[in-house]
Amino acid sequence: MTSPFPTTYTSSELLYVAFRAAFLTTFQDLLDEFEPNHIPGSSSGFLAQASIAAGCASQVQLDVLFRTWQRIDSGHETLTALEQCVCFYAIGELARLGKADDRYVIDRAANGPRVVACEDLTWLASTLRTIQITWPFPVDAADLELEMNEMVDNSDRRVENNTNQSLADEFLELLSHWTVSTQILQNAEGLLTPRESSRLGKFFSKHSQLMNL
């Protein structure tokens, strides 16, 4: 399942900030995982909003986030169902930060390679929810998550809807991955600041076991 992605969305400043917010929170989760006092299972990442993706490795979430970003930034006219969900949950992550009034992370997200004015947080969560509701995709991600969960639990439902089953399979495949593509930094170009890119590169150099070399 693919869907057209209008230029009004590819150039959206909020979508850009949302992808950066998803990066910042998920990368912090990944860094925390390698702290000596880290509690196993306490990290989540932006895709944890989808219960089917619970337990997906933080580095794998970053990998799919950057791949999706690269397709959007490169002007691809369609996105796969999984990429649509990545966009939806990136928006959801920024909305969560807005609702929590986490100005520190939001300010960092808004001050990337593109500097975006994101001063008024009062209506940020509701504005982002409106974007999700009016998304140019044929499905609502909340309904889709319900469908996926039912398909995982019920073999009969798995046969009835091949389209959503394909997406459920894509999510389940993510759960089976541990390593990331060697193109991860390249895919993040334009989204990360030089300092963030350097920090991410140093992390993977130190933890080369996380890369698919």
C-alpha atoms as a PDB file:
ATOM      1  CA  MET A   1       0.000   0.000   0.000  1.00  0.00           C
ATOM      2  CA  THR A   2       1.454   3.354  -1.034  1.00  0.00           C
ATOM      3  CA  SER A   3      -0.053   6.797  -0.909  1.00  0.00           C
ATOM      4  CA  PRO A   4       0.664  10.143  -2.617  1.00  0.00           C
ATOM      5  CA  PHE A   5       2.598  12.571  -0.463  1.00  0.00           C
ATOM      6  CA  PRO A   6       1.700  16.142  -1.504  1.00  0.00           C
ATOM      7  CA  THR A   7       4.422  18.793  -1.624  1.00  0.00           C
ATOM      8  CA  THR A   8       2.530  20.768   1.034  1.00  0.00           C
ATOM      9  CA  TYR A   9       3.486  18.016   3.479  1.00  0.00           C
ATOM     10  CA  THR A  10       7.037  17.432   2.269  1.00  0.00           C
ATOM     11  CA  SER A  11       7.807  21.104   2.835  1.00  0.00           C
ATOM     12  CA  SER A  12       5.957  21.262   6.145  1.00  0.00           C
ATOM     13  CA  GLU A  13       8.061  22.840   8.867  1.00  0.00           C
ATOM     14  CA  LEU A  14       6.188  20.911  11.542  1.00  0.00           C
ATOM     15  CA  LEU A  15       6.893  17.601   9.815  1.00  0.00           C
ATOM     16  CA  TYR A  16      10.583  18.503   9.741  1.00  0.00           C
ATOM     17  CA  VAL A  17      10.580  19.418  13.439  1.00  0.00           C
ATOM     18  CA  ALA A  18       8.650  16.214  14.197  1.00  0.00           C
ATOM     19  CA  PHE A  19      11.287  14.048  12.513  1.00  0.00           C
ATOM     20  CA  ARG A  20      13.992  15.846  14.472  1.00  0.00           C
ATOM     21  CA  ALA A  21      12.062  15.401  17.718  1.00  0.00           C
ATOM     22  CA  ALA A  22      11.709  11.670  17.003  1.00  0.00           C
ATOM     23  CA  PHE A  23      15.457  11.502  16.409  1.00  0.00           C
ATOM     24  CA  LEU A  24      16.365  13.378  19.591  1.00  0.00           C
ATOM     25  CA  THR A  25      14.197  11.325  21.934  1.00  0.00           C
ATOM     26  CA  THR A  26      15.032   7.981  20.314  1.00  0.00           C
ATOM     27  CA  PHE A  27      18.778   8.676  20.188  1.00  0.00           C
ATOM     28  CA  GLN A  28      18.676   9.625  23.862  1.00  0.00           C
ATOM     29  CA  ASP A  29      16.962   6.317  24.579  1.00  0.00           C
ATOM     30  CA  LEU A  30      19.721   4.564  22.641  1.00  0.00           C
ATOM     31  CA  LEU A  31      22.448   6.379  24.587  1.00  0.00           C
ATOM     32  CA  ASP A  32      20.724   5.521  27.865  1.00  0.00           C
ATOM     33  CA  GLU A  33      20.729   1.834  26.945  1.00  0.00           C
ATOM     34  CA  PHE A  34      24.530   1.826  27.127  1.00  0.00           C
ATOM     35  CA  GLU A  35      24.721   3.502  30.519  1.00  0.00           C
ATOM     36  CA  PRO A  36      25.947   1.205  33.339  1.00  0.00           C
ATOM     37  CA  ASN A  37      22.820   1.744  35.435  1.00  0.00           C
ATOM     38  CA  HIS A  38      20.378   1.244  32.568  1.00  0.00           C
ATOM     39  CA  ILE A  39      17.328  -0.870  33.376  1.00  0.00           C
ATOM     40  CA  PRO A  40      16.677  -3.381  30.532  1.00  0.00           C
ATOM     41  CA  GLY A  41      13.402  -2.709  28.769  1.00  0.00           C
ATOM     42  CA  SER A  42      13.061   0.858  30.052  1.00  0.00           C
ATOM     43  CA  SER A  43      13.845   2.505  26.704  1.00  0.00           C
ATOM     44  CA  SER A  44      11.176   2.983  24.103  1.00  0.00           C
ATOM     45  CA  GLY A  45      11.786   5.280  21.114  1.00  0.00           C
ATOM     46  CA  PHE A  46       9.190   7.136  19.075  1.00  0.00           C
ATOM     47  CA  LEU A  47       7.665   3.971  17.572  1.00  0.00           C
ATOM     48  CA  ALA A  48       6.656   2.753  21.018  1.00  0.00           C
ATOM     49  CA  GLN A  49       3.400   4.635  20.402  1.00  0.00           C
ATOM     50  CA  ALA A  50       2.449   1.595  18.292  1.00  0.00           C
ATOM     51  CA  SER A  51       2.067  -1.306  20.687  1.00  0.00           C
ATOM     52  CA  ILE A  52       2.972  -3.742  17.921  1.00  0.00           C
ATOM     53  CA  ALA A  53       6.416  -2.082  17.774  1.00  0.00           C
ATOM     54  CA  ALA A  54       7.069  -2.346  21.512  1.00  0.00           C
ATOM     55  CA  GLY A  55      10.572  -3.686  21.968  1.00  0.00           C
ATOM     56  CA  CYS A  56      11.835  -2.490  18.597  1.00  0.00           C
ATOM     57  CA  ALA A  57      15.516  -1.630  19.028  1.00  0.00           C
ATOM     58  CA  SER A  58      16.142   2.108  19.264  1.00  0.00           C
ATOM     59  CA  GLN A  59      18.860   1.984  16.606  1.00  0.00           C
ATOM     60  CA  VAL A  60      16.474   0.228  14.201  1.00  0.00           C
ATOM     61  CA  GLN A  61      13.885   2.922  14.844  1.00  0.00           C
ATOM     62  CA  LEU A  62      16.468   5.554  13.921  1.00  0.00           C
ATOM     63  CA  ASP A  63      17.345   3.623  10.778  1.00  0.00           C
ATOM     64  CA  VAL A  64      13.746   3.518   9.512  1.00  0.00           C
ATOM     65  CA  LEU A  65      13.198   7.143  10.590  1.00  0.00           C
ATOM     66  CA  PHE A  66      16.140   8.329   8.494  1.00  0.00           C
ATOM     67  CA  ARG A  67      15.222   6.151   5.515  1.00  0.00           C
ATOM     68  CA  THR A  68      11.735   7.622   5.541  1.00  0.00           C
ATOM     69  CA  TRP A  69      13.123  11.131   5.883  1.00  0.00           C
ATOM     70  CA  GLN A  70      15.435  10.589   2.940  1.00  0.00           C
ATOM     71  CA  ARG A  71      12.554   9.464   0.725  1.00  0.00           C
ATOM     72  CA  ILE A  72      10.526  12.520   1.695  1.00  0.00           C
ATOM     73  CA  ASP A  73      13.440  14.920   1.274  1.00  0.00           C
ATOM     74  CA  SER A  74      14.320  13.359  -2.079  1.00  0.00           C
ATOM     75  CA  GLY A  75      10.835  14.152  -3.382  1.00  0.00           C
ATOM     76  CA  HIS A  76       9.391  10.635  -3.599  1.00  0.00           C
ATOM     77  CA  GLU A  77       5.752  10.900  -4.616  1.00  0.00           C
ATOM     78  CA  THR A  78       4.591   7.877  -2.636  1.00  0.00           C
ATOM     79  CA  LEU A  79       5.322   6.392   0.734  1.00  0.00           C
ATOM     80  CA  THR A  80       4.884   2.799   1.809  1.00  0.00           C
ATOM     81  CA  ALA A  81       2.421   1.944   4.562  1.00  0.00           C
ATOM     82  CA  LEU A  82       5.281   1.573   7.050  1.00  0.00           C
ATOM     83  CA  GLU A  83       6.720   4.954   6.045  1.00  0.00           C
ATOM     84  CA  GLN A  84       3.287   6.510   6.482  1.00  0.00           C
ATOM     85  CA  CYS A  85       3.210   5.179  10.033  1.00  0.00           C
ATOM     86  CA  VAL A  86       6.718   6.507  10.680  1.00  0.00           C
ATOM     87  CA  CYS A  87       5.463   9.974   9.695  1.00  0.00           C
ATOM     88  CA  PHE A  88       2.370   9.586  11.852  1.00  0.00           C
ATOM     89  CA  TYR A  89       4.299   8.547  14.942  1.00  0.00           C
ATOM     90  CA  ALA A  90       7.006  11.183  14.433  1.00  0.00           C
ATOM     91  CA  ILE A  91       4.213  13.767  14.493  1.00  0.00           C
ATOM     92  CA  GLY A  92       2.838  12.013  17.571  1.00  0.00           C
ATOM     93  CA  GLU A  93       6.197  12.276  19.324  1.00  0.00           C
ATOM     94  CA  LEU A  94       6.334  16.039  18.789  1.00  0.00           C
ATOM     95  CA  ALA A  95       2.741  16.306  19.994  1.00  0.00           C
ATOM     96  CA  ARG A  96       3.685  14.389  23.145  1.00  0.00           C
ATOM     97  CA  LEU A  97       6.536  16.816  23.815  1.00  0.00           C
ATOM     98  CA  GLY A  98       4.202  19.748  23.266  1.00  0.00           C
ATOM     99  CA  LYS A  99       1.639  18.328  25.661  1.00  0.00           C
ATOM    100  CA  ALA A 100       4.369  17.762  28.256  1.00  0.00           C
ATOM    101  CA  ASP A 101       5.647  21.303  27.644  1.00  0.00           C
ATOM    102  CA  ASP A 102       9.153  19.932  27.063  1.00  0.00           C
ATOM    103  CA  ARG A 103      10.557  23.182  25.705  1.00  0.00           C
ATOM    104  CA  TYR A 104      14.170  22.029  25.874  1.00  0.00           C
ATOM    105  CA  VAL A 105      13.748  19.164  23.397  1.00  0.00           C
ATOM    106  CA  ILE A 106      11.323  21.130  21.215  1.00  0.00           C
ATOM    107  CA  ASP A 107      13.782  24.024  20.995  1.00  0.00           C
ATOM    108  CA  ARG A 108      16.536  21.599  19.975  1.00  0.00           C
ATOM    109  CA  ALA A 109      14.245  20.040  17.391  1.00  0.00           C
ATOM    110  CA  ALA A 110      13.389  23.461  15.970  1.00  0.00           C
ATOM    111  CA  ASN A 111      17.038  24.498  15.753  1.00  0.00           C
ATOM    112  CA  GLY A 112      18.391  22.015  13.254  1.00  0.00           C
ATOM    113  CA  PRO A 113      19.931  22.660   9.845  1.00  0.00           C
ATOM    114  CA  ARG A 114      16.668  24.476   9.133  1.00  0.00           C
ATOM    115  CA  VAL A 115      15.768  26.907  11.891  1.00  0.00           C
ATOM    116  CA  VAL A 116      12.023  26.775  12.465  1.00  0.00           C
ATOM    117  CA  ALA A 117       9.950  29.137  14.598  1.00  0.00           C
ATOM    118  CA  CYS A 118       8.192  26.956  17.155  1.00  0.00           C
ATOM    119  CA  GLU A 119       7.530  29.395  19.965  1.00  0.00           C
ATOM    120  CA  ASP A 120       3.843  28.997  20.794  1.00  0.00           C
ATOM    121  CA  LEU A 121       3.429  25.571  22.388  1.00  0.00           C
ATOM    122  CA  THR A 122      -0.092  26.206  23.679  1.00  0.00           C
ATOM    123  CA  TRP A 123      -1.779  24.727  20.626  1.00  0.00           C
ATOM    124  CA  LEU A 124       1.053  22.546  19.372  1.00  0.00           C
ATOM    125  CA  ALA A 125      -0.426  19.180  20.384  1.00  0.00           C
ATOM    126  CA  SER A 126      -3.877  19.981  18.964  1.00  0.00           C
ATOM    127  CA  THR A 127      -2.360  21.397  15.757  1.00  0.00           C
ATOM    128  CA  LEU A 128      -0.327  18.238  15.242  1.00  0.00           C
ATOM    129  CA  ARG A 129      -3.341  16.051  15.966  1.00  0.00           C
ATOM    130  CA  THR A 130      -5.219  17.954  13.277  1.00  0.00           C
ATOM    131  CA  ILE A 131      -2.407  17.151  10.844  1.00  0.00           C
ATOM    132  CA  GLN A 132      -2.691  13.471  11.767  1.00  0.00           C
ATOM    133  CA  ILE A 133      -6.456  13.479  11.258  1.00  0.00           C
ATOM    134  CA  THR A 134      -6.194  15.207   7.869  1.00  0.00           C
ATOM    135  CA  TRP A 135      -3.221  13.087   6.780  1.00  0.00           C
ATOM    136  CA  PRO A 136      -3.238  12.302   3.045  1.00  0.00           C
ATOM    137  CA  PHE A 137      -3.240   8.576   3.742  1.00  0.00           C
ATOM    138  CA  PRO A 138      -6.147   6.158   3.220  1.00  0.00           C
ATOM    139  CA  VAL A 139      -6.038   4.866   6.803  1.00  0.00           C
ATOM    140  CA  ASP A 140      -5.956   6.308  10.280  1.00  0.00           C
ATOM    141  CA  ALA A 141      -2.921   5.000  12.146  1.00  0.00           C
ATOM    142  CA  ALA A 142      -4.905   4.505  15.357  1.00  0.00           C
ATOM    143  CA  ASP A 143      -7.396   2.258  13.551  1.00  0.00           C
ATOM    144  CA  LEU A 144      -4.526   0.592  11.742  1.00  0.00           C
ATOM    145  CA  GLU A 145      -2.777  -0.249  14.993  1.00  0.00           C
ATOM    146  CA  LEU A 146      -5.994  -1.857  16.244  1.00  0.00           C
ATOM    147  CA  GLU A 147      -6.195  -3.865  13.039  1.00  0.00           C
ATOM    148  CA  MET A 148      -2.579  -4.994  13.390  1.00  0.00           C
ATOM    149  CA  ASN A 149      -3.029  -6.030  17.008  1.00  0.00           C
ATOM    150  CA  GLU A 150      -6.145  -8.006  16.136  1.00  0.00           C
ATOM    151  CA  MET A 151      -4.346  -9.699  13.262  1.00  0.00           C
ATOM    152  CA  VAL A 152      -1.495 -10.725  15.513  1.00  0.00           C
ATOM    153  CA  ASP A 153      -3.964 -12.177  18.030  1.00  0.00           C
ATOM    154  CA  ASN A 154      -6.442 -13.671  15.567  1.00  0.00           C
ATOM    155  CA  SER A 155      -5.359 -15.842  12.658  1.00  0.00           C
ATOM    156  CA  ASP A 156      -8.734 -15.401  10.914  1.00  0.00           C
ATOM    157  CA  ARG A 157      -8.269 -11.622  10.737  1.00  0.00           C
ATOM    158  CA  ARG A 158      -4.797 -12.166   9.315  1.00  0.00           C
ATOM    159  CA  VAL A 159      -6.346 -13.790   6.250  1.00  0.00           C
ATOM    160  CA  GLU A 160      -9.135 -11.256   5.734  1.00  0.00           C
ATOM    161  CA  ASN A 161      -7.065  -8.125   5.102  1.00  0.00           C
ATOM    162  CA  ASN A 162      -3.904  -8.690   3.093  1.00  0.00           C
ATOM    163  CA  THR A 163      -3.053  -4.970   2.924  1.00  0.00           C
ATOM    164  CA  ASN A 164      -2.934  -4.422   6.663  1.00  0.00           C
ATOM    165  CA  GLN A 165      -1.373  -7.830   7.165  1.00  0.00           C
ATOM    166  CA  SER A 166       1.518  -6.708   4.967  1.00  0.00           C
ATOM    167  CA  LEU A 167       2.055  -3.701   7.230  1.00  0.00           C
ATOM    168  CA  ALA A 168       1.850  -5.877  10.347  1.00  0.00           C
ATOM    169  CA  ASP A 169       4.522  -8.097   8.803  1.00  0.00           C
ATOM    170  CA  GLU A 170       6.711  -5.039   8.171  1.00  0.00           C
ATOM    171  CA  PHE A 171       6.439  -4.021  11.819  1.00  0.00           C
ATOM    172  CA  LEU A 172       7.160  -7.543  12.995  1.00  0.00           C
ATOM    173  CA  GLU A 173      10.202  -7.659  10.712  1.00  0.00           C
ATOM    174  CA  LEU A 174      11.517  -4.492  12.376  1.00  0.00           C
ATOM    175  CA  LEU A 175      11.318  -6.304  15.696  1.00  0.00           C
ATOM    176  CA  SER A 176      13.609  -9.005  14.353  1.00  0.00           C
ATOM    177  CA  HIS A 177      16.341  -6.528  13.398  1.00  0.00           C
ATOM    178  CA  TRP A 178      19.196  -5.443  15.627  1.00  0.00           C
ATOM    179  CA  THR A 179      21.732  -3.917  13.250  1.00  0.00           C
ATOM    180  CA  VAL A 180      21.368  -0.818  11.083  1.00  0.00           C
ATOM    181  CA  SER A 181      22.330   0.046   7.543  1.00  0.00           C
ATOM    182  CA  THR A 182      25.770   1.507   6.851  1.00  0.00           C
ATOM    183  CA  GLN A 183      23.842   4.266   5.038  1.00  0.00           C
ATOM    184  CA  ILE A 184      22.272   5.507   8.272  1.00  0.00           C
ATOM    185  CA  LEU A 185      24.326   8.725   8.468  1.00  0.00           C
ATOM    186  CA  GLN A 186      23.867   9.394   4.784  1.00  0.00           C
ATOM    187  CA  ASN A 187      20.095   9.003   5.118  1.00  0.00           C
ATOM    188  CA  ALA A 188      20.112  11.502   7.993  1.00  0.00           C
ATOM    189  CA  GLU A 189      21.668  14.272   5.878  1.00  0.00           C
ATOM    190  CA  GLY A 190      19.671  17.480   6.041  1.00  0.00           C
ATOM    191  CA  LEU A 191      17.923  16.405   9.219  1.00  0.00           C
ATOM    192  CA  LEU A 192      20.798  16.485  11.718  1.00  0.00           C
ATOM    193  CA  THR A 193      23.180  19.278  12.603  1.00  0.00           C
ATOM    194  CA  PRO A 194      26.910  18.607  11.990  1.00  0.00           C
ATOM    195  CA  ARG A 195      27.383  18.156  15.725  1.00  0.00           C
ATOM    196  CA  GLU A 196      24.502  15.671  15.979  1.00  0.00           C
ATOM    197  CA  SER A 197      25.746  13.774  12.939  1.00  0.00           C
ATOM    198  CA  SER A 198      29.259  13.613  14.407  1.00  0.00           C
ATOM    199  CA  ARG A 199      27.921  12.389  17.724  1.00  0.00           C
ATOM    200  CA  LEU A 200      25.812   9.715  16.029  1.00  0.00           C
ATOM    201  CA  GLY A 201      28.792   8.622  13.909  1.00  0.00           C
ATOM    202  CA  LYS A 202      31.034   8.349  16.972  1.00  0.00           C
ATOM    203  CA  PHE A 203      28.389   6.293  18.746  1.00  0.00           C
ATOM    204  CA  PHE A 204      28.195   3.736  15.937  1.00  0.00           C
ATOM    205  CA  SER A 205      31.984   3.692  15.586  1.00  0.00           C
ATOM    206  CA  LYS A 206      32.190   2.791  19.257  1.00  0.00           C
ATOM    207  CA  HIS A 207      29.368   0.253  18.981  1.00  0.00           C
ATOM    208  CA  SER A 208      30.114  -1.217  15.575  1.00  0.00           C
ATOM    209  CA  GLN A 209      28.229  -4.395  16.525  1.00  0.00           C
ATOM    210  CA  LEU A 210      25.039  -2.409  15.875  1.00  0.00           C
ATOM    211  CA  MET A 211      25.909  -1.880  12.219  1.00  0.00           C
ATOM    212  CA  ASN A 212      25.296  -4.326   9.388  1.00  0.00           C
ATOM    213  CA  LEU A 213      28.909  -4.411   8.199  1.00  0.00           C
END
